[in-house]
Amino acid sequence: MRIIPVLLVLVASTLALPFGEVNHVVRVIAEPSALPASHTEFREEVLRALNPNTTELVYGGSPAPPGAFPQQVFISYRANDGKSYICGGSLLSTTHVLTAAHCTVDMVSAKIMAGGVDITSRSGNTQWRNANRIVSHGQYDPARYYNDIAVIEFSPALVENRDIQLTKIVEDDAELVKKTAALVTGYGVYHWQAQDDGISSDELLYSTVSLFPFKYCNTVWYRRLRDSQVCAGAKDKGAGPGDSGGPLLVSHNKQLYQVGLTSYGTNDQDDDEHHQDRWPTIFTRVSSFCDFIDRATDGTAKCGRIDDNGPTPASTTAPCTPKPRRSG
């Protein structure tokens, strides 16, 4: 699913600070909170982001059962243009979310939801939090979406349960990206009914797509890709606007590993919805950014490895112009 910009901008002032040797950008957008966000506050923010005439997202997707994708996070935010947007993300730790940099560049405030499969639900395992800090990659290129990766810190810490689990990322994903099938998840657009009038979803949707070889991806996208990117899609299936930052997952040894996060796709609505077999979505290849993840989380989250006995969690202590996948 590709994501249309949906970041929310905070009215609070922000502070840009150098981050390590690679000059990652750190911005504080709120003071850490001892109290969780409420479902009511979260729902109000989401309603500001979504088109009131729309209802569902993710092309060719099916509703996800509770607990099927416990690493998934829903992000609703306000941007410095005063508008609200939505993006996806995945849990790196109980206080950090991995998402796309293009979802955070103009973010001024944000709320997240973890553990839920319906943004209208108040299920017992669902938790809501306020974001307080953003770390975006210092070499993010908004023209070509290189290094399209960021970490959002929130507070207080989540309590892990059946429906809230950390994502699994490995340093060496060569075996994983050779697989031919992958899963995309999100709450983004699942159907276009008119120009710029996408139908989006209250429910978390998932879809099985083809994971294409890098050579094919690079040829389709006019040799503009780097090996820190991967592509995936299928006929009538794939990521859509509003899915930006959400995970691309592959199954191995009955475990789901995250190999990518949704970055961008074609801005042609028909090709986007129906022909991602020919114009696949581009994802940031997360294994290329293990050092960034380590630094951005102050060592809280680290890439793991594939183990024959089971996975090591990633977290321990175009025919047209590319279009980002956030929505708003």
C-alpha atoms as a PDB file:
ATOM      1  CA  MET A   1       0.000   0.000   0.000  1.00  0.00           C
ATOM      2  CA  ARG A   2       1.416   3.373  -0.845  1.00  0.00           C
ATOM      3  CA  ILE A   3       0.951   6.259   1.474  1.00  0.00           C
ATOM      4  CA  ILE A   4      -0.340   9.760   0.808  1.00  0.00           C
ATOM      5  CA  PRO A   5       0.994  12.477   3.146  1.00  0.00           C
ATOM      6  CA  VAL A   6      -0.900  12.430   6.413  1.00  0.00           C
ATOM      7  CA  LEU A   7       1.462  13.839   8.994  1.00  0.00           C
ATOM      8  CA  LEU A   8       0.130  16.198  11.640  1.00  0.00           C
ATOM      9  CA  VAL A   9       2.009  19.356  12.494  1.00  0.00           C
ATOM     10  CA  LEU A  10       2.434  20.395  16.125  1.00  0.00           C
ATOM     11  CA  VAL A  11       2.057  24.038  17.011  1.00  0.00           C
ATOM     12  CA  ALA A  12       4.854  23.623  19.508  1.00  0.00           C
ATOM     13  CA  SER A  13       8.304  24.811  18.537  1.00  0.00           C
ATOM     14  CA  THR A  14      10.796  22.222  17.311  1.00  0.00           C
ATOM     15  CA  LEU A  15      14.505  21.867  17.873  1.00  0.00           C
ATOM     16  CA  ALA A  16      16.890  20.467  15.259  1.00  0.00           C
ATOM     17  CA  LEU A  17      20.014  18.890  16.688  1.00  0.00           C
ATOM     18  CA  PRO A  18      22.974  17.064  15.106  1.00  0.00           C
ATOM     19  CA  PHE A  19      22.776  13.315  15.670  1.00  0.00           C
ATOM     20  CA  GLY A  20      25.978  11.350  15.708  1.00  0.00           C
ATOM     21  CA  GLU A  21      28.502  11.422  12.912  1.00  0.00           C
ATOM     22  CA  VAL A  22      25.923  11.264  10.122  1.00  0.00           C
ATOM     23  CA  ASN A  23      24.031  14.331  11.322  1.00  0.00           C
ATOM     24  CA  HIS A  24      20.621  12.745  11.704  1.00  0.00           C
ATOM     25  CA  VAL A  25      17.971  15.292  12.573  1.00  0.00           C
ATOM     26  CA  VAL A  26      16.403  15.167  16.025  1.00  0.00           C
ATOM     27  CA  ARG A  27      13.286  17.211  16.761  1.00  0.00           C
ATOM     28  CA  VAL A  28      11.451  17.471  20.052  1.00  0.00           C
ATOM     29  CA  ILE A  29       7.751  18.098  19.367  1.00  0.00           C
ATOM     30  CA  ALA A  30       6.324  17.664  22.869  1.00  0.00           C
ATOM     31  CA  GLU A  31       7.315  16.989  26.442  1.00  0.00           C
ATOM     32  CA  PRO A  32       7.290  13.305  27.442  1.00  0.00           C
ATOM     33  CA  SER A  33       3.959  12.359  28.990  1.00  0.00           C
ATOM     34  CA  ALA A  34       3.320  10.172  32.007  1.00  0.00           C
ATOM     35  CA  LEU A  35      -0.231   9.561  30.827  1.00  0.00           C
ATOM     36  CA  PRO A  36      -1.379   7.723  27.674  1.00  0.00           C
ATOM     37  CA  ALA A  37      -3.438   9.421  24.984  1.00  0.00           C
ATOM     38  CA  SER A  38      -7.154   8.694  25.029  1.00  0.00           C
ATOM     39  CA  HIS A  39      -9.121   6.917  22.322  1.00  0.00           C
ATOM     40  CA  THR A  40     -11.374   9.977  22.023  1.00  0.00           C
ATOM     41  CA  GLU A  41      -8.423  12.315  21.359  1.00  0.00           C
ATOM     42  CA  PHE A  42      -6.979   9.858  18.868  1.00  0.00           C
ATOM     43  CA  ARG A  43     -10.264   9.422  17.009  1.00  0.00           C
ATOM     44  CA  GLU A  44     -10.781  13.189  16.762  1.00  0.00           C
ATOM     45  CA  GLU A  45      -7.318  13.590  15.241  1.00  0.00           C
ATOM     46  CA  VAL A  46      -7.944  10.793  12.737  1.00  0.00           C
ATOM     47  CA  LEU A  47     -11.243  12.331  11.619  1.00  0.00           C
ATOM     48  CA  ARG A  48      -9.419  15.563  10.812  1.00  0.00           C
ATOM     49  CA  ALA A  49      -7.063  13.617   8.553  1.00  0.00           C
ATOM     50  CA  LEU A  50      -9.529  11.441   6.656  1.00  0.00           C
ATOM     51  CA  ASN A  51     -11.815  12.595   3.871  1.00  0.00           C
ATOM     52  CA  PRO A  52     -15.319  12.576   5.427  1.00  0.00           C
ATOM     53  CA  ASN A  53     -16.685  10.990   2.235  1.00  0.00           C
ATOM     54  CA  THR A  54     -14.373   7.983   2.460  1.00  0.00           C
ATOM     55  CA  THR A  55     -14.393   4.816   4.487  1.00  0.00           C
ATOM     56  CA  GLU A  56     -11.649   2.198   3.718  1.00  0.00           C
ATOM     57  CA  LEU A  57      -7.942   1.641   2.429  1.00  0.00           C
ATOM     58  CA  VAL A  58      -5.231  -0.946   1.063  1.00  0.00           C
ATOM     59  CA  TYR A  59      -5.785  -2.218  -2.470  1.00  0.00           C
ATOM     60  CA  GLY A  60      -7.198  -5.740  -2.661  1.00  0.00           C
ATOM     61  CA  GLY A  61      -6.897  -6.048   1.091  1.00  0.00           C
ATOM     62  CA  SER A  62      -8.709  -8.203   3.620  1.00  0.00           C
ATOM     63  CA  PRO A  63      -9.512  -7.220   7.224  1.00  0.00           C
ATOM     64  CA  ALA A  64      -6.741  -8.338   9.581  1.00  0.00           C
ATOM     65  CA  PRO A  65      -7.760 -10.566  12.505  1.00  0.00           C
ATOM     66  CA  PRO A  66      -6.809  -9.269  15.975  1.00  0.00           C
ATOM     67  CA  GLY A  67      -3.193 -10.134  16.765  1.00  0.00           C
ATOM     68  CA  ALA A  68      -2.252 -11.099  13.198  1.00  0.00           C
ATOM     69  CA  PHE A  69       0.077  -8.100  12.776  1.00  0.00           C
ATOM     70  CA  PRO A  70       1.019  -7.054  16.315  1.00  0.00           C
ATOM     71  CA  GLN A  71       3.931  -4.918  15.085  1.00  0.00           C
ATOM     72  CA  GLN A  72       1.604  -2.559  13.157  1.00  0.00           C
ATOM     73  CA  VAL A  73       1.133   1.017  14.371  1.00  0.00           C
ATOM     74  CA  PHE A  74      -1.310   3.660  13.117  1.00  0.00           C
ATOM     75  CA  ILE A  75       0.002   7.251  13.154  1.00  0.00           C
ATOM     76  CA  SER A  76      -2.223  10.320  12.940  1.00  0.00           C
ATOM     77  CA  TYR A  77      -0.450  13.658  12.908  1.00  0.00           C
ATOM     78  CA  ARG A  78      -0.725  17.361  12.227  1.00  0.00           C
ATOM     79  CA  ALA A  79       1.698  19.107   9.872  1.00  0.00           C
ATOM     80  CA  ASN A  80       2.977  22.658   9.766  1.00  0.00           C
ATOM     81  CA  ASP A  81       0.449  23.485   7.040  1.00  0.00           C
ATOM     82  CA  GLY A  82      -2.254  23.039   9.675  1.00  0.00           C
ATOM     83  CA  LYS A  83      -3.616  19.898   8.015  1.00  0.00           C
ATOM     84  CA  SER A  84      -3.825  16.390   9.445  1.00  0.00           C
ATOM     85  CA  TYR A  85      -2.480  13.209   7.860  1.00  0.00           C
ATOM     86  CA  ILE A  86      -2.137   9.474   8.495  1.00  0.00           C
ATOM     87  CA  CYS A  87       0.781   7.081   8.114  1.00  0.00           C
ATOM     88  CA  GLY A  88       1.704   3.589   9.205  1.00  0.00           C
ATOM     89  CA  GLY A  89       4.592   2.327  11.262  1.00  0.00           C
ATOM     90  CA  SER A  90       5.999  -0.644  13.148  1.00  0.00           C
ATOM     91  CA  LEU A  91       7.103  -1.088  16.746  1.00  0.00           C
ATOM     92  CA  LEU A  92      10.862  -1.066  17.320  1.00  0.00           C
ATOM     93  CA  SER A  93      10.518  -0.936  21.094  1.00  0.00           C
ATOM     94  CA  THR A  94       7.826  -0.118  23.619  1.00  0.00           C
ATOM     95  CA  THR A  95       8.698   3.582  23.137  1.00  0.00           C
ATOM     96  CA  HIS A  96       9.783   3.765  19.467  1.00  0.00           C
ATOM     97  CA  VAL A  97       8.017   3.498  16.102  1.00  0.00           C
ATOM     98  CA  LEU A  98       9.744   2.979  12.752  1.00  0.00           C
ATOM     99  CA  THR A  99       8.169   4.916   9.871  1.00  0.00           C
ATOM    100  CA  ALA A 100       8.969   6.854   6.685  1.00  0.00           C
ATOM    101  CA  ALA A 101      10.934  10.115   6.858  1.00  0.00           C
ATOM    102  CA  HIS A 102       8.443  11.793   4.516  1.00  0.00           C
ATOM    103  CA  CYS A 103       5.807  11.243   7.206  1.00  0.00           C
ATOM    104  CA  THR A 104       7.821  13.269   9.712  1.00  0.00           C
ATOM    105  CA  VAL A 105       9.499  16.166   7.894  1.00  0.00           C
ATOM    106  CA  ASP A 106       6.650  18.595   8.594  1.00  0.00           C
ATOM    107  CA  MET A 107       5.135  16.864  11.628  1.00  0.00           C
ATOM    108  CA  VAL A 108       4.326  19.108  14.576  1.00  0.00           C
ATOM    109  CA  SER A 109       2.234  16.726  16.690  1.00  0.00           C
ATOM    110  CA  ALA A 110       1.247  13.084  16.466  1.00  0.00           C
ATOM    111  CA  LYS A 111      -0.698  10.326  18.150  1.00  0.00           C
ATOM    112  CA  ILE A 112      -0.212   6.606  17.666  1.00  0.00           C
ATOM    113  CA  MET A 113      -2.393   3.543  18.100  1.00  0.00           C
ATOM    114  CA  ALA A 114      -0.952   0.089  18.763  1.00  0.00           C
ATOM    115  CA  GLY A 115      -2.681  -3.248  19.243  1.00  0.00           C
ATOM    116  CA  GLY A 116      -5.845  -2.379  17.354  1.00  0.00           C
ATOM    117  CA  VAL A 117      -7.290  -3.473  14.027  1.00  0.00           C
ATOM    118  CA  ASP A 118     -10.042  -0.831  13.929  1.00  0.00           C
ATOM    119  CA  ILE A 119      -9.495   2.882  14.611  1.00  0.00           C
ATOM    120  CA  THR A 120     -13.046   3.151  15.994  1.00  0.00           C
ATOM    121  CA  SER A 121     -12.575   0.307  18.494  1.00  0.00           C
ATOM    122  CA  ARG A 122     -11.791   0.492  22.211  1.00  0.00           C
ATOM    123  CA  SER A 123     -10.632  -3.126  22.519  1.00  0.00           C
ATOM    124  CA  GLY A 124      -8.867  -4.081  25.728  1.00  0.00           C
ATOM    125  CA  ASN A 125      -5.502  -4.686  24.030  1.00  0.00           C
ATOM    126  CA  THR A 126      -5.429  -1.378  22.115  1.00  0.00           C
ATOM    127  CA  GLN A 127      -3.239   1.437  23.466  1.00  0.00           C
ATOM    128  CA  TRP A 128      -2.811   5.087  22.404  1.00  0.00           C
ATOM    129  CA  ARG A 129       0.186   7.367  22.920  1.00  0.00           C
ATOM    130  CA  ASN A 130       1.449  10.882  22.146  1.00  0.00           C
ATOM    131  CA  ALA A 131       4.685  11.374  20.189  1.00  0.00           C
ATOM    132  CA  ASN A 132       7.383  13.501  21.794  1.00  0.00           C
ATOM    133  CA  ARG A 133      10.518  13.160  19.630  1.00  0.00           C
ATOM    134  CA  ILE A 134      11.405  12.492  15.993  1.00  0.00           C
ATOM    135  CA  VAL A 135      14.724  11.249  14.608  1.00  0.00           C
ATOM    136  CA  SER A 136      14.841  11.384  10.805  1.00  0.00           C
ATOM    137  CA  HIS A 137      17.692  10.240   8.576  1.00  0.00           C
ATOM    138  CA  GLY A 138      20.046  13.123   7.833  1.00  0.00           C
ATOM    139  CA  GLN A 139      20.449  12.090   4.188  1.00  0.00           C
ATOM    140  CA  TYR A 140      16.742  11.758   3.407  1.00  0.00           C
ATOM    141  CA  ASP A 141      16.193  12.883  -0.211  1.00  0.00           C
ATOM    142  CA  PRO A 142      12.626  14.190  -0.699  1.00  0.00           C
ATOM    143  CA  ALA A 143      12.999  14.148  -4.500  1.00  0.00           C
ATOM    144  CA  ARG A 144      13.996  10.480  -4.895  1.00  0.00           C
ATOM    145  CA  TYR A 145      12.972   9.192  -1.449  1.00  0.00           C
ATOM    146  CA  TYR A 146      16.415   7.816  -0.685  1.00  0.00           C
ATOM    147  CA  ASN A 147      16.938   7.132   3.048  1.00  0.00           C
ATOM    148  CA  ASP A 148      13.190   7.474   3.610  1.00  0.00           C
ATOM    149  CA  ILE A 149      13.268   6.331   7.222  1.00  0.00           C
ATOM    150  CA  ALA A 150      12.606   7.859  10.636  1.00  0.00           C
ATOM    151  CA  VAL A 151      11.962   6.908  14.249  1.00  0.00           C
ATOM    152  CA  ILE A 152       9.223   8.438  16.403  1.00  0.00           C
ATOM    153  CA  GLU A 153       9.598   8.280  20.168  1.00  0.00           C
ATOM    154  CA  PHE A 154       6.481   8.336  22.338  1.00  0.00           C
ATOM    155  CA  SER A 155       5.531   8.077  25.993  1.00  0.00           C
ATOM    156  CA  PRO A 156       4.669   6.445  28.280  1.00  0.00           C
ATOM    157  CA  ALA A 157       5.924   2.991  27.277  1.00  0.00           C
ATOM    158  CA  LEU A 158       3.463   0.521  25.796  1.00  0.00           C
ATOM    159  CA  VAL A 159       2.618  -2.681  27.622  1.00  0.00           C
ATOM    160  CA  GLU A 160       3.229  -5.655  25.324  1.00  0.00           C
ATOM    161  CA  ASN A 161       0.403  -8.152  24.949  1.00  0.00           C
ATOM    162  CA  ARG A 162      -0.929 -10.600  22.365  1.00  0.00           C
ATOM    163  CA  ASP A 163      -1.752  -7.745  19.977  1.00  0.00           C
ATOM    164  CA  ILE A 164       1.283  -5.524  20.661  1.00  0.00           C
ATOM    165  CA  GLN A 165       4.676  -7.020  19.777  1.00  0.00           C
ATOM    166  CA  LEU A 166       7.988  -5.696  18.471  1.00  0.00           C
ATOM    167  CA  THR A 167       8.814  -6.013  14.789  1.00  0.00           C
ATOM    168  CA  LYS A 168      11.559  -8.401  13.651  1.00  0.00           C
ATOM    169  CA  ILE A 169      14.342  -6.944  11.481  1.00  0.00           C
ATOM    170  CA  VAL A 170      17.573  -8.760  10.620  1.00  0.00           C
ATOM    171  CA  GLU A 171      20.951  -7.382   9.544  1.00  0.00           C
ATOM    172  CA  ASP A 172      21.317  -9.947   6.754  1.00  0.00           C
ATOM    173  CA  ASP A 173      18.016 -10.213   4.883  1.00  0.00           C
ATOM    174  CA  ALA A 174      19.429 -11.710   1.651  1.00  0.00           C
ATOM    175  CA  GLU A 175      17.493 -14.933   2.183  1.00  0.00           C
ATOM    176  CA  LEU A 176      14.298 -13.042   2.967  1.00  0.00           C
ATOM    177  CA  VAL A 177      14.267 -10.712  -0.048  1.00  0.00           C
ATOM    178  CA  LYS A 178      14.702 -13.708  -2.363  1.00  0.00           C
ATOM    179  CA  LYS A 179      11.221 -14.846  -1.432  1.00  0.00           C
ATOM    180  CA  THR A 180       8.527 -14.254  -4.045  1.00  0.00           C
ATOM    181  CA  ALA A 181       5.627 -13.343  -1.757  1.00  0.00           C
ATOM    182  CA  ALA A 182       5.226 -10.669   0.890  1.00  0.00           C
ATOM    183  CA  LEU A 183       2.502  -9.000   2.948  1.00  0.00           C
ATOM    184  CA  VAL A 184       1.603  -5.311   3.048  1.00  0.00           C
ATOM    185  CA  THR A 185      -0.558  -3.896   5.819  1.00  0.00           C
ATOM    186  CA  GLY A 186      -2.199  -0.566   6.531  1.00  0.00           C
ATOM    187  CA  TYR A 187      -5.238   1.651   6.817  1.00  0.00           C
ATOM    188  CA  GLY A 188      -4.634   3.533   3.558  1.00  0.00           C
ATOM    189  CA  VAL A 189      -6.637   3.995   0.360  1.00  0.00           C
ATOM    190  CA  TYR A 190      -8.117   0.816  -1.084  1.00  0.00           C
ATOM    191  CA  HIS A 191     -10.153   2.320  -3.930  1.00  0.00           C
ATOM    192  CA  TRP A 192     -10.316   5.541  -5.958  1.00  0.00           C
ATOM    193  CA  GLN A 193     -13.867   6.613  -6.816  1.00  0.00           C
ATOM    194  CA  ALA A 194     -12.983  10.015  -8.295  1.00  0.00           C
ATOM    195  CA  GLN A 195      -9.964  12.250  -8.813  1.00  0.00           C
ATOM    196  CA  ASP A 196      -8.319  12.798  -5.408  1.00  0.00           C
ATOM    197  CA  ASP A 197     -11.268  11.097  -3.664  1.00  0.00           C
ATOM    198  CA  GLY A 198      -9.899   7.894  -2.190  1.00  0.00           C
ATOM    199  CA  ILE A 199     -11.865   5.435  -0.097  1.00  0.00           C
ATOM    200  CA  SER A 200      -9.914   4.603   3.048  1.00  0.00           C
ATOM    201  CA  SER A 201     -10.427   2.156   5.899  1.00  0.00           C
ATOM    202  CA  ASP A 202     -11.319   2.155   9.577  1.00  0.00           C
ATOM    203  CA  GLU A 203      -9.952  -1.396   9.668  1.00  0.00           C
ATOM    204  CA  LEU A 204      -6.403  -2.661   9.339  1.00  0.00           C
ATOM    205  CA  LEU A 205      -6.168  -4.390   5.956  1.00  0.00           C
ATOM    206  CA  TYR A 206      -3.537  -6.750   4.589  1.00  0.00           C
ATOM    207  CA  SER A 207      -2.734  -8.024   1.128  1.00  0.00           C
ATOM    208  CA  THR A 208      -0.378 -10.628  -0.342  1.00  0.00           C
ATOM    209  CA  VAL A 209       1.871  -9.180  -3.049  1.00  0.00           C
ATOM    210  CA  SER A 210       4.802 -10.275  -5.182  1.00  0.00           C
ATOM    211  CA  LEU A 211       8.284  -9.335  -3.993  1.00  0.00           C
ATOM    212  CA  PHE A 212      10.199  -8.470  -7.165  1.00  0.00           C
ATOM    213  CA  PRO A 213      13.939  -8.809  -7.899  1.00  0.00           C
ATOM    214  CA  PHE A 214      15.882  -5.550  -7.612  1.00  0.00           C
ATOM    215  CA  LYS A 215      16.790  -5.613 -11.315  1.00  0.00           C
ATOM    216  CA  TYR A 216      13.114  -5.583 -12.296  1.00  0.00           C
ATOM    217  CA  CYS A 217      12.305  -2.802  -9.834  1.00  0.00           C
ATOM    218  CA  ASN A 218      15.161  -0.646 -11.053  1.00  0.00           C
ATOM    219  CA  THR A 219      14.217  -1.127 -14.704  1.00  0.00           C
ATOM    220  CA  VAL A 220      10.580  -0.171 -14.078  1.00  0.00           C
ATOM    221  CA  TRP A 221      11.590   2.928 -12.138  1.00  0.00           C
ATOM    222  CA  TYR A 222      14.113   4.146 -14.755  1.00  0.00           C
ATOM    223  CA  ARG A 223      17.222   3.008 -12.871  1.00  0.00           C
ATOM    224  CA  ARG A 224      16.616   5.492 -10.076  1.00  0.00           C
ATOM    225  CA  LEU A 225      16.715   2.950  -7.231  1.00  0.00           C
ATOM    226  CA  ARG A 226      19.431   2.066  -4.754  1.00  0.00           C
ATOM    227  CA  ASP A 227      20.066  -1.314  -3.163  1.00  0.00           C
ATOM    228  CA  SER A 228      18.621   0.175   0.039  1.00  0.00           C
ATOM    229  CA  GLN A 229      15.197  -0.043  -1.623  1.00  0.00           C
ATOM    230  CA  VAL A 230      12.952  -2.961  -2.629  1.00  0.00           C
ATOM    231  CA  CYS A 231       9.696  -3.123  -4.574  1.00  0.00           C
ATOM    232  CA  ALA A 232       6.524  -5.196  -4.343  1.00  0.00           C
ATOM    233  CA  GLY A 233       2.996  -5.276  -5.709  1.00  0.00           C
ATOM    234  CA  ALA A 234       0.451  -7.354  -7.594  1.00  0.00           C
ATOM    235  CA  LYS A 235      -2.432  -6.920  -9.984  1.00  0.00           C
ATOM    236  CA  ASP A 236      -5.268  -5.204  -8.090  1.00  0.00           C
ATOM    237  CA  LYS A 237      -3.255  -5.418  -4.862  1.00  0.00           C
ATOM    238  CA  GLY A 238      -0.696  -3.340  -3.032  1.00  0.00           C
ATOM    239  CA  ALA A 239       0.060  -0.398  -0.789  1.00  0.00           C
ATOM    240  CA  GLY A 240      -1.918   2.806  -1.205  1.00  0.00           C
ATOM    241  CA  PRO A 241      -1.984   6.403   0.006  1.00  0.00           C
ATOM    242  CA  GLY A 242      -2.070   6.451   3.799  1.00  0.00           C
ATOM    243  CA  ASP A 243       0.083   3.317   4.133  1.00  0.00           C
ATOM    244  CA  SER A 244       3.412   5.192   4.138  1.00  0.00           C
ATOM    245  CA  GLY A 245       5.813   3.971   6.774  1.00  0.00           C
ATOM    246  CA  GLY A 246       3.960   0.699   7.318  1.00  0.00           C
ATOM    247  CA  PRO A 247       5.766  -2.649   7.149  1.00  0.00           C
ATOM    248  CA  LEU A 248       6.482  -4.972   4.229  1.00  0.00           C
ATOM    249  CA  LEU A 249       6.622  -8.443   5.772  1.00  0.00           C
ATOM    250  CA  VAL A 250       7.787 -11.882   4.654  1.00  0.00           C
ATOM    251  CA  SER A 251       7.091 -15.207   6.327  1.00  0.00           C
ATOM    252  CA  HIS A 252      10.024 -17.446   7.285  1.00  0.00           C
ATOM    253  CA  ASN A 253       9.973 -20.360   9.745  1.00  0.00           C
ATOM    254  CA  LYS A 254       6.396 -19.391  10.602  1.00  0.00           C
ATOM    255  CA  GLN A 255       7.551 -15.948  11.710  1.00  0.00           C
ATOM    256  CA  LEU A 256       6.970 -12.554  10.100  1.00  0.00           C
ATOM    257  CA  TYR A 257      10.089 -10.518   9.369  1.00  0.00           C
ATOM    258  CA  GLN A 258      10.007  -6.901   8.279  1.00  0.00           C
ATOM    259  CA  VAL A 259      12.086  -6.305   5.151  1.00  0.00           C
ATOM    260  CA  GLY A 260      10.727  -2.908   4.117  1.00  0.00           C
ATOM    261  CA  LEU A 261       8.646   0.121   4.974  1.00  0.00           C
ATOM    262  CA  THR A 262       6.276   1.760   2.503  1.00  0.00           C
ATOM    263  CA  SER A 263       7.845   4.727   0.716  1.00  0.00           C
ATOM    264  CA  TYR A 264       6.248   5.703  -2.613  1.00  0.00           C
ATOM    265  CA  GLY A 265       4.488   4.601  -5.788  1.00  0.00           C
ATOM    266  CA  THR A 266       3.067   5.917  -9.039  1.00  0.00           C
ATOM    267  CA  ASN A 267       0.734   8.917  -8.947  1.00  0.00           C
ATOM    268  CA  ASP A 268      -1.454   7.435 -11.686  1.00  0.00           C
ATOM    269  CA  GLN A 269      -4.531   6.299  -9.753  1.00  0.00           C
ATOM    270  CA  ASP A 270      -5.539   3.490 -12.130  1.00  0.00           C
ATOM    271  CA  ASP A 271      -2.033   2.013 -12.262  1.00  0.00           C
ATOM    272  CA  ASP A 272      -1.717   2.441  -8.516  1.00  0.00           C
ATOM    273  CA  GLU A 273      -4.894   0.555  -7.739  1.00  0.00           C
ATOM    274  CA  HIS A 274      -4.894  -2.076 -10.488  1.00  0.00           C
ATOM    275  CA  HIS A 275      -1.395  -2.482 -11.977  1.00  0.00           C
ATOM    276  CA  GLN A 276       1.186  -2.724  -9.240  1.00  0.00           C
ATOM    277  CA  ASP A 277       2.413  -5.830 -11.019  1.00  0.00           C
ATOM    278  CA  ARG A 278       3.761  -3.374 -13.627  1.00  0.00           C
ATOM    279  CA  TRP A 279       4.317  -0.313 -11.427  1.00  0.00           C
ATOM    280  CA  PRO A 280       5.144  -1.709  -7.998  1.00  0.00           C
ATOM    281  CA  THR A 281       5.391   0.270  -4.783  1.00  0.00           C
ATOM    282  CA  ILE A 282       8.885   1.154  -3.580  1.00  0.00           C
ATOM    283  CA  PHE A 283       9.831   0.304   0.003  1.00  0.00           C
ATOM    284  CA  THR A 284      12.809   1.377   2.097  1.00  0.00           C
ATOM    285  CA  ARG A 285      14.883  -1.771   2.761  1.00  0.00           C
ATOM    286  CA  VAL A 286      15.145  -1.681   6.540  1.00  0.00           C
ATOM    287  CA  SER A 287      18.189  -3.968   6.877  1.00  0.00           C
ATOM    288  CA  SER A 288      20.242  -1.205   5.241  1.00  0.00           C
ATOM    289  CA  PHE A 289      19.554   1.052   8.214  1.00  0.00           C
ATOM    290  CA  CYS A 290      20.387  -1.082  11.252  1.00  0.00           C
ATOM    291  CA  ASP A 291      22.976   1.440  12.440  1.00  0.00           C
ATOM    292  CA  PHE A 292      20.449   4.260  12.117  1.00  0.00           C
ATOM    293  CA  ILE A 293      17.880   2.269  14.114  1.00  0.00           C
ATOM    294  CA  ASP A 294      20.432   1.583  16.855  1.00  0.00           C
ATOM    295  CA  ARG A 295      21.452   5.250  17.116  1.00  0.00           C
ATOM    296  CA  ALA A 296      17.947   6.687  16.771  1.00  0.00           C
ATOM    297  CA  THR A 297      16.666   4.562  19.662  1.00  0.00           C
ATOM    298  CA  ASP A 298      19.768   5.099  21.836  1.00  0.00           C
ATOM    299  CA  GLY A 299      20.524   1.393  21.555  1.00  0.00           C
ATOM    300  CA  THR A 300      17.067   0.276  22.651  1.00  0.00           C
ATOM    301  CA  ALA A 301      16.341  -1.414  19.304  1.00  0.00           C
ATOM    302  CA  LYS A 302      18.856  -3.478  17.355  1.00  0.00           C
ATOM    303  CA  CYS A 303      18.622  -5.632  14.264  1.00  0.00           C
ATOM    304  CA  GLY A 304      18.730  -9.354  14.930  1.00  0.00           C
ATOM    305  CA  ARG A 305      19.411 -12.426  12.849  1.00  0.00           C
ATOM    306  CA  ILE A 306      17.580 -15.396  11.409  1.00  0.00           C
ATOM    307  CA  ASP A 307      17.854 -18.492  13.570  1.00  0.00           C
ATOM    308  CA  ASP A 308      16.867 -22.005  12.473  1.00  0.00           C
ATOM    309  CA  ASN A 309      15.133 -22.355  15.819  1.00  0.00           C
ATOM    310  CA  GLY A 310      13.197 -19.142  15.321  1.00  0.00           C
ATOM    311  CA  PRO A 311      13.863 -15.477  14.732  1.00  0.00           C
ATOM    312  CA  THR A 312      15.775 -13.048  16.867  1.00  0.00           C
ATOM    313  CA  PRO A 313      13.602  -9.944  17.295  1.00  0.00           C
ATOM    314  CA  ALA A 314      14.798  -6.792  15.579  1.00  0.00           C
ATOM    315  CA  SER A 315      14.262  -5.016  18.867  1.00  0.00           C
ATOM    316  CA  THR A 316      15.771  -6.041  22.151  1.00  0.00           C
ATOM    317  CA  THR A 317      16.378  -3.777  25.207  1.00  0.00           C
ATOM    318  CA  ALA A 318       7.575   5.866 -13.497  1.00  0.00           C
ATOM    319  CA  PRO A 319       5.017   6.533 -16.192  1.00  0.00           C
ATOM    320  CA  CYS A 320       4.438   9.367 -13.803  1.00  0.00           C
ATOM    321  CA  THR A 321       6.000  11.168 -10.887  1.00  0.00           C
ATOM    322  CA  PRO A 322       6.649   9.127  -7.728  1.00  0.00           C
ATOM    323  CA  LYS A 323       4.067   9.795  -5.044  1.00  0.00           C
ATOM    324  CA  PRO A 324       4.616   9.335  -1.300  1.00  0.00           C
ATOM    325  CA  ARG A 325       2.149   7.087   0.513  1.00  0.00           C
ATOM    326  CA  ARG A 326       0.897   9.302   3.338  1.00  0.00           C
ATOM    327  CA  SER A 327      -2.755  10.438   3.275  1.00  0.00           C
ATOM    328  CA  GLY A 328      -4.598  13.536   4.298  1.00  0.00           C
END
